[in-house]
Amino acid sequence: MSLLTDTITRIGSLDSAAATAAQARQDVLTKPQGALGRLETLSVQIAGITGQTRPRLNNPAVIVMAADHGVARRGVSAYPSEVTPQMVLNFLNGGAAINVLARHIGARVIVVDIGVAANLPSHSELIDRKLGMGTADFSVEPAMSRAQAQQAVEIGIACAYDAIASGVDLLATGDMGIGNTTASSAVVAAITGRPVAEVTGRGAGIDDAGLARKIAVLEQALALHRPDPRDALDVLTKVGGFEIGGLAGVILGAAARRVPVVIDGFISGAAALIACTLAPSAQPFLIAAHRSVERGHDAVFAHLDLTPLFDLGMRLGEGTGAVLGMSLCQAACKILDEMATFGEAGVSGKVEG
């Protein structure tokens, strides 16, 4: 049995007993029932995911998958592919936005080279799982082989398992790769069936001509390859990216180990579509952090029946929105665990709201 198949079979359902107990505790905390809104339902979901009535999330980490895309040569991005290795080094040196926000909440940043189109110098904090020097240009040929697609997902699973084995109890997904919104739009269009123009945005900031070119390239690629929306590996093979597959694996690995996984923006959303097409049972384990400016993100939420925690107009990637979402997960669990009940506080059980 492959690692992918074994992982999918290990994904169970939410622990209803833990979720019910968490809801019962929420109902007797010193506040009107439901007064803390999404923080309450989030804590109950996390109880169901972890199987703990009063979960504590003390060791968060974000896994940033980095890879390049052959389709970037078609002029679909505002930046050249040389930026990808430069930004990976920035991550490793602690100078990127994801490093700042991860430090803010006390999260580790785990950086994985799964397909950067450059030979990166060895670094103690870099996990080298390179599948190739970026994907092929999927406007003319499949992005990768099916074997590579499965490998990408399994690399993500292994990275999630390793992080959890080291004590991580809350995971977030992050990405880096020039051209990755193009691949993500292709994945989203293929799986949701939405028109390309409806799920394709400006990425890092292309102009009107660049957006028109990006849409045309995607329509050409999807017409050429006709990926099967029911076969996630086929979609990943034909129009995906190594980091998208890797992040799908992180999602599946976290779900199999009953660890909450906070999904970042559009690229992570495409990965979530891959993951949940492979294993629909993974959906209840997902926590959508934020709504990206990237226009296709709402199609992801609709298809997966997810509601993001916040909307700050962000579109950076790297896992930046996800680590902020982690902070809300921690806050929700602390409310559930640390707040006094009416009985404990000696407060009358009826509070006017």
Protein backbone atom coordinates (compact mmCIF):
# COMPACT_ATOMS: atom_id res chain seq x y z
CA MET A 1 0.00 0.00 0.00
CA SER A 2 1.37 3.42 -0.92
CA LEU A 3 1.87 6.18 1.64
CA LEU A 4 -0.92 8.14 -0.06
CA THR A 5 -3.42 5.29 0.08
CA ASP A 6 -2.49 4.42 3.66
CA THR A 7 -2.89 8.04 4.74
CA ILE A 8 -6.30 8.41 3.12
CA THR A 9 -7.54 5.25 4.85
CA ARG A 10 -6.41 6.67 8.22
CA ILE A 11 -8.55 9.82 7.94
CA GLY A 12 -11.54 9.26 10.16
CA SER A 13 -14.42 11.52 11.16
CA LEU A 14 -14.51 14.25 13.76
CA ASP A 15 -14.78 13.02 17.35
CA SER A 16 -18.44 13.75 18.06
CA ALA A 17 -18.13 13.04 21.79
CA ALA A 18 -15.31 15.56 22.20
CA ALA A 19 -17.15 18.14 20.10
CA THR A 20 -20.36 17.65 22.08
CA ALA A 21 -18.50 18.02 25.38
CA ALA A 22 -16.76 21.16 24.12
CA GLN A 23 -20.09 22.66 23.08
CA ALA A 24 -21.58 21.81 26.46
CA ARG A 25 -18.72 23.63 28.18
CA GLN A 26 -19.09 26.63 25.85
CA ASP A 27 -22.75 26.81 26.84
CA VAL A 28 -21.93 27.27 30.54
CA LEU A 29 -19.01 29.69 30.27
CA THR A 30 -19.57 33.13 31.76
CA LYS A 31 -21.10 34.79 28.70
CA PRO A 32 -24.34 34.62 26.75
CA GLN A 33 -24.38 31.48 24.60
CA GLY A 34 -22.90 32.23 21.19
CA ALA A 35 -21.63 35.68 22.23
CA LEU A 36 -18.12 34.91 20.98
CA GLY A 37 -19.41 33.78 17.59
CA ARG A 38 -16.90 31.99 15.38
CA LEU A 39 -14.45 31.62 18.27
CA GLU A 40 -16.94 29.28 19.90
CA THR A 41 -17.66 27.15 16.84
CA LEU A 42 -13.94 27.09 16.01
CA SER A 43 -13.08 25.68 19.44
CA VAL A 44 -15.75 23.00 19.04
CA GLN A 45 -14.38 22.05 15.61
CA ILE A 46 -10.85 21.80 17.00
CA ALA A 47 -12.12 19.62 19.84
CA GLY A 48 -13.68 17.33 17.24
CA ILE A 49 -10.48 17.27 15.18
CA THR A 50 -8.14 16.52 18.09
CA GLY A 51 -10.49 14.38 20.17
CA GLN A 52 -9.70 16.60 23.16
CA THR A 53 -12.55 18.24 25.08
CA ARG A 54 -10.30 21.17 26.03
CA PRO A 55 -7.59 21.24 23.35
CA ARG A 56 -4.39 23.18 23.91
CA LEU A 57 -2.40 24.28 20.88
CA ASN A 58 1.11 25.11 22.06
CA ASN A 59 3.44 24.17 19.21
CA PRO A 60 2.33 25.64 15.86
CA ALA A 61 4.28 25.40 12.61
CA VAL A 62 3.76 26.55 9.04
CA ILE A 63 5.07 24.38 6.21
CA VAL A 64 6.10 26.52 3.24
CA MET A 65 6.41 24.54 0.01
CA ALA A 66 8.50 26.22 -2.70
CA ALA A 67 8.57 25.35 -6.41
CA ASP A 68 8.71 26.92 -9.84
CA HIS A 69 6.36 26.65 -12.81
CA GLY A 70 7.27 26.19 -16.46
CA VAL A 71 4.17 28.09 -17.52
CA ALA A 72 5.73 31.24 -16.03
CA ARG A 73 7.77 31.47 -19.25
CA ARG A 74 4.55 32.43 -21.02
CA GLY A 75 4.54 35.86 -19.38
CA VAL A 76 1.75 35.15 -16.91
CA SER A 77 3.49 36.68 -13.89
CA ALA A 78 4.70 40.14 -12.94
CA TYR A 79 7.97 38.70 -11.60
CA PRO A 80 10.67 36.43 -13.09
CA SER A 81 11.27 32.93 -11.75
CA GLU A 82 14.59 34.06 -10.27
CA VAL A 83 12.57 35.54 -7.43
CA THR A 84 11.62 32.09 -6.11
CA PRO A 85 15.09 31.00 -4.90
CA GLN A 86 15.80 34.52 -3.67
CA MET A 87 12.68 34.47 -1.52
CA VAL A 88 13.46 30.98 -0.22
CA LEU A 89 16.79 32.32 1.04
CA ASN A 90 14.91 35.25 2.57
CA PHE A 91 12.68 32.78 4.43
CA LEU A 92 15.73 30.91 5.71
CA ASN A 93 17.33 34.16 6.86
CA GLY A 94 14.17 35.18 8.71
CA GLY A 95 13.48 38.33 6.69
CA ALA A 96 10.13 37.65 4.98
CA ALA A 97 6.61 38.51 6.08
CA ILE A 98 5.96 34.90 7.00
CA ASN A 99 8.93 34.94 9.38
CA VAL A 100 7.71 38.12 11.06
CA LEU A 101 4.16 36.85 11.54
CA ALA A 102 5.34 33.39 12.60
CA ARG A 103 7.57 34.97 15.25
CA HIS A 104 4.57 37.05 16.34
CA ILE A 105 2.60 33.92 17.26
CA GLY A 106 5.56 31.70 18.17
CA ALA A 107 5.31 29.36 15.17
CA ARG A 108 8.10 27.48 13.44
CA VAL A 109 8.64 28.08 9.72
CA ILE A 110 9.45 24.84 7.91
CA VAL A 111 10.76 25.52 4.39
CA VAL A 112 10.66 22.75 1.78
CA ASP A 113 12.29 22.91 -1.67
CA ILE A 114 9.99 20.63 -3.63
CA GLY A 115 10.82 22.01 -7.07
CA VAL A 116 12.69 25.32 -7.14
CA ALA A 117 14.36 25.86 -10.54
CA ALA A 118 17.76 26.57 -9.01
CA ASN A 119 20.34 24.76 -6.95
CA LEU A 120 19.95 26.23 -3.49
CA PRO A 121 22.85 26.25 -1.03
CA SER A 122 22.54 23.73 1.76
CA HIS A 123 21.02 25.14 4.91
CA SER A 124 20.22 23.51 8.21
CA GLU A 125 16.64 24.81 8.06
CA LEU A 126 15.94 23.83 4.43
CA ILE A 127 14.28 20.49 3.66
CA ASP A 128 15.42 19.38 0.20
CA ARG A 129 12.77 17.26 -1.51
CA LYS A 130 13.24 18.61 -5.02
CA LEU A 131 11.24 16.72 -7.65
CA GLY A 132 12.66 18.71 -10.55
CA MET A 133 13.76 22.15 -11.69
CA GLY A 134 10.18 23.37 -11.70
CA THR A 135 7.31 21.86 -13.63
CA ALA A 136 7.04 21.69 -17.41
CA ASP A 137 5.11 24.38 -19.29
CA PHE A 138 1.60 22.95 -19.07
CA SER A 139 0.40 25.11 -21.93
CA VAL A 140 2.17 22.67 -24.25
CA GLU A 141 2.70 19.48 -22.20
CA PRO A 142 1.65 18.04 -18.83
CA ALA A 143 3.15 19.86 -15.86
CA MET A 144 4.59 16.62 -14.47
CA SER A 145 4.26 12.85 -14.68
CA ARG A 146 1.57 11.08 -12.68
CA ALA A 147 4.33 9.43 -10.64
CA GLN A 148 5.69 12.89 -9.76
CA ALA A 149 2.20 14.07 -8.82
CA GLN A 150 1.84 11.23 -6.33
CA GLN A 151 5.38 11.83 -5.08
CA ALA A 152 4.58 15.50 -4.46
CA VAL A 153 1.56 14.60 -2.34
CA GLU A 154 3.53 11.96 -0.44
CA ILE A 155 6.35 14.43 0.26
CA GLY A 156 3.79 16.71 1.85
CA ILE A 157 2.37 13.85 3.90
CA ALA A 158 5.87 12.93 5.13
CA CYS A 159 6.64 16.54 6.04
CA ALA A 160 3.41 16.78 8.04
CA TYR A 161 4.12 13.48 9.80
CA ASP A 162 7.68 14.58 10.65
CA ALA A 163 6.48 17.91 12.05
CA ILE A 164 3.80 16.22 14.15
CA ALA A 165 6.31 13.63 15.40
CA SER A 166 8.49 16.52 16.61
CA GLY A 167 5.61 17.84 18.72
CA VAL A 168 3.78 20.20 16.36
CA ASP A 169 0.07 20.28 17.28
CA LEU A 170 -1.21 22.93 14.82
CA LEU A 171 -0.19 23.17 11.17
CA ALA A 172 -0.56 25.85 8.52
CA THR A 173 0.09 25.74 4.78
CA GLY A 174 2.31 28.22 2.94
CA ASP A 175 3.71 28.54 -0.56
CA MET A 176 6.32 30.22 -2.71
CA GLY A 177 6.66 30.00 -6.48
CA ILE A 178 6.45 32.44 -9.36
CA GLY A 179 3.55 31.43 -11.60
CA ASN A 180 1.70 29.57 -8.87
CA THR A 181 -1.55 31.53 -9.16
CA THR A 182 -1.69 30.43 -12.80
CA ALA A 183 -1.39 26.76 -11.85
CA SER A 184 -3.86 27.27 -9.01
CA SER A 185 -6.41 28.87 -11.34
CA ALA A 186 -6.05 25.88 -13.65
CA VAL A 187 -6.64 23.47 -10.77
CA VAL A 188 -9.63 25.45 -9.49
CA ALA A 189 -11.21 25.71 -12.94
CA ALA A 190 -10.64 22.00 -13.60
CA ILE A 191 -12.12 20.76 -10.33
CA THR A 192 -14.97 23.25 -9.82
CA GLY A 193 -15.97 23.50 -13.47
CA ARG A 194 -15.99 27.31 -13.27
CA PRO A 195 -14.95 29.31 -16.37
CA VAL A 196 -11.27 30.24 -16.42
CA ALA A 197 -11.99 33.98 -16.47
CA GLU A 198 -14.10 33.61 -13.33
CA VAL A 199 -11.28 32.07 -11.26
CA THR A 200 -8.24 33.89 -12.64
CA GLY A 201 -6.86 37.05 -11.07
CA ARG A 202 -3.83 39.28 -11.28
CA GLY A 203 -1.56 37.23 -9.02
CA ALA A 204 1.39 39.36 -7.95
CA GLY A 205 0.10 42.32 -9.96
CA ILE A 206 -0.02 41.78 -13.73
CA ASP A 207 -1.62 44.45 -15.89
CA ASP A 208 -4.69 44.08 -18.10
CA ALA A 209 -2.70 42.68 -21.03
CA GLY A 210 -1.00 40.20 -18.74
CA LEU A 211 -4.32 39.08 -17.29
CA ALA A 212 -5.77 38.53 -20.76
CA ARG A 213 -2.68 36.51 -21.70
CA LYS A 214 -2.93 34.47 -18.49
CA ILE A 215 -6.60 33.61 -19.17
CA ALA A 216 -5.81 32.65 -22.77
CA VAL A 217 -2.93 30.40 -21.70
CA LEU A 218 -5.15 28.66 -19.14
CA GLU A 219 -8.01 28.13 -21.58
CA GLN A 220 -5.54 26.67 -24.08
CA ALA A 221 -4.02 24.34 -21.48
CA LEU A 222 -7.35 23.04 -20.19
CA ALA A 223 -8.64 22.46 -23.71
CA LEU A 224 -5.43 20.61 -24.57
CA HIS A 225 -5.25 18.34 -21.51
CA ARG A 226 -8.90 17.97 -20.41
CA PRO A 227 -8.04 16.99 -16.83
CA ASP A 228 -10.55 14.71 -15.11
CA PRO A 229 -12.11 16.66 -12.21
CA ARG A 230 -12.83 13.41 -10.35
CA ASP A 231 -9.16 12.36 -10.49
CA ALA A 232 -7.06 14.76 -8.42
CA LEU A 233 -3.77 13.22 -9.53
CA ASP A 234 -4.78 13.69 -13.16
CA VAL A 235 -5.49 17.39 -12.51
CA LEU A 236 -2.22 17.79 -10.63
CA THR A 237 -0.30 15.96 -13.37
CA LYS A 238 -1.67 18.03 -16.22
CA VAL A 239 -1.94 21.57 -14.85
CA GLY A 240 -0.69 21.59 -11.25
CA GLY A 241 2.48 22.45 -9.41
CA PHE A 242 4.84 20.52 -7.18
CA GLU A 243 4.11 22.80 -4.21
CA ILE A 244 0.35 22.46 -4.74
CA GLY A 245 0.72 18.69 -4.52
CA GLY A 246 2.98 19.02 -1.50
CA LEU A 247 0.48 21.19 0.34
CA ALA A 248 -2.31 18.75 -0.49
CA GLY A 249 -0.19 16.13 1.22
CA VAL A 250 0.31 18.32 4.28
CA ILE A 251 -3.48 18.64 4.55
CA LEU A 252 -4.00 14.88 4.25
CA GLY A 253 -1.20 14.09 6.69
CA ALA A 254 -2.57 16.49 9.29
CA ALA A 255 -6.07 15.06 8.94
CA ALA A 256 -4.79 11.50 9.29
CA ARG A 257 -3.01 12.47 12.51
CA ARG A 258 -5.99 14.49 13.83
CA VAL A 259 -4.03 17.76 13.86
CA PRO A 260 -5.86 20.97 12.85
CA VAL A 261 -4.58 22.42 9.58
CA VAL A 262 -5.10 26.10 8.77
CA ILE A 263 -5.35 26.82 5.05
CA ASP A 264 -3.78 30.00 3.70
CA GLY A 265 -4.84 31.74 0.47
CA PHE A 266 -5.53 30.83 -3.14
CA ILE A 267 -2.63 28.42 -3.72
CA SER A 268 -3.41 26.58 -0.49
CA GLY A 269 -7.06 26.60 -1.57
CA ALA A 270 -6.13 24.82 -4.80
CA ALA A 271 -4.17 22.31 -2.72
CA ALA A 272 -7.23 21.80 -0.51
CA LEU A 273 -9.28 21.00 -3.62
CA ILE A 274 -6.71 18.37 -4.61
CA ALA A 275 -6.67 16.95 -1.07
CA CYS A 276 -10.46 16.78 -0.71
CA THR A 277 -10.89 15.28 -4.18
CA LEU A 278 -8.47 12.55 -3.12
CA ALA A 279 -10.12 12.20 0.30
CA PRO A 280 -13.47 13.94 0.85
CA SER A 281 -13.22 12.87 4.50
CA ALA A 282 -10.47 15.49 4.97
CA GLN A 283 -12.87 18.42 4.57
CA PRO A 284 -14.05 18.66 8.22
CA PHE A 285 -10.42 18.94 9.35
CA LEU A 286 -9.81 22.14 7.34
CA ILE A 287 -9.82 25.63 8.83
CA ALA A 288 -9.89 28.37 6.19
CA ALA A 289 -7.90 31.32 7.47
CA HIS A 290 -8.78 34.19 5.16
CA ARG A 291 -10.35 35.31 1.94
CA SER A 292 -7.66 36.29 -0.55
CA VAL A 293 -8.01 39.16 -3.00
CA GLU A 294 -7.40 36.55 -5.73
CA ARG A 295 -10.78 36.24 -7.39
CA GLY A 296 -10.89 32.45 -7.67
CA HIS A 297 -10.70 31.95 -3.92
CA ASP A 298 -14.47 32.18 -3.45
CA ALA A 299 -14.93 29.30 -5.88
CA VAL A 300 -12.74 27.19 -3.58
CA PHE A 301 -14.83 28.10 -0.53
CA ALA A 302 -18.07 27.33 -2.35
CA HIS A 303 -16.84 23.96 -3.61
CA LEU A 304 -15.47 22.88 -0.22
CA ASP A 305 -18.23 24.49 1.86
CA LEU A 306 -15.76 26.53 3.90
CA THR A 307 -16.09 29.98 5.44
CA PRO A 308 -12.87 31.93 6.07
CA LEU A 309 -12.18 33.41 9.48
CA PHE A 310 -11.34 36.88 8.20
CA ASP A 311 -10.78 39.11 5.18
CA LEU A 312 -7.90 41.59 5.39
CA GLY A 313 -7.46 42.10 1.66
CA MET A 314 -4.29 39.97 1.67
CA ARG A 315 -2.71 38.32 -1.38
CA LEU A 316 0.89 37.58 -0.43
CA GLY A 317 0.86 33.84 0.15
CA GLU A 318 3.79 32.34 2.08
CA GLY A 319 1.30 31.22 4.76
CA THR A 320 0.91 34.77 6.09
CA GLY A 321 -2.87 34.61 6.42
CA ALA A 322 -2.70 31.09 7.81
CA VAL A 323 -0.43 31.99 10.73
CA LEU A 324 -2.79 34.81 11.67
CA GLY A 325 -5.56 32.22 11.52
CA MET A 326 -3.50 30.03 13.86
CA SER A 327 -3.60 32.81 16.42
CA LEU A 328 -7.40 32.75 16.31
CA CYS A 329 -7.37 28.97 16.74
CA GLN A 330 -5.20 29.33 19.83
CA ALA A 331 -7.43 32.10 21.19
CA ALA A 332 -10.56 30.01 20.61
CA CYS A 333 -9.09 27.07 22.49
CA LYS A 334 -7.91 29.25 25.36
CA ILE A 335 -11.43 30.64 25.75
CA LEU A 336 -12.78 27.10 25.94
CA ASP A 337 -10.09 25.93 28.37
CA GLU A 338 -9.35 28.92 30.60
CA MET A 339 -12.62 30.83 30.88
CA ALA A 340 -14.64 30.16 34.03
CA THR A 341 -18.05 28.52 33.96
CA PHE A 342 -21.00 30.10 35.75
CA GLY A 343 -20.64 27.53 38.52
CA GLU A 344 -16.91 28.08 38.94
CA ALA A 345 -17.28 31.87 39.02
CA GLY A 346 -20.35 31.93 41.23
CA VAL A 347 -22.25 33.90 38.60
CA SER A 348 -25.95 33.47 37.94
CA GLY A 349 -26.48 31.12 35.01
CA LYS A 350 -28.74 33.52 33.13
CA VAL A 351 -26.93 36.39 31.40
CA GLU A 352 -28.84 38.94 29.41
CA GLY A 353 -27.25 39.35 25.95
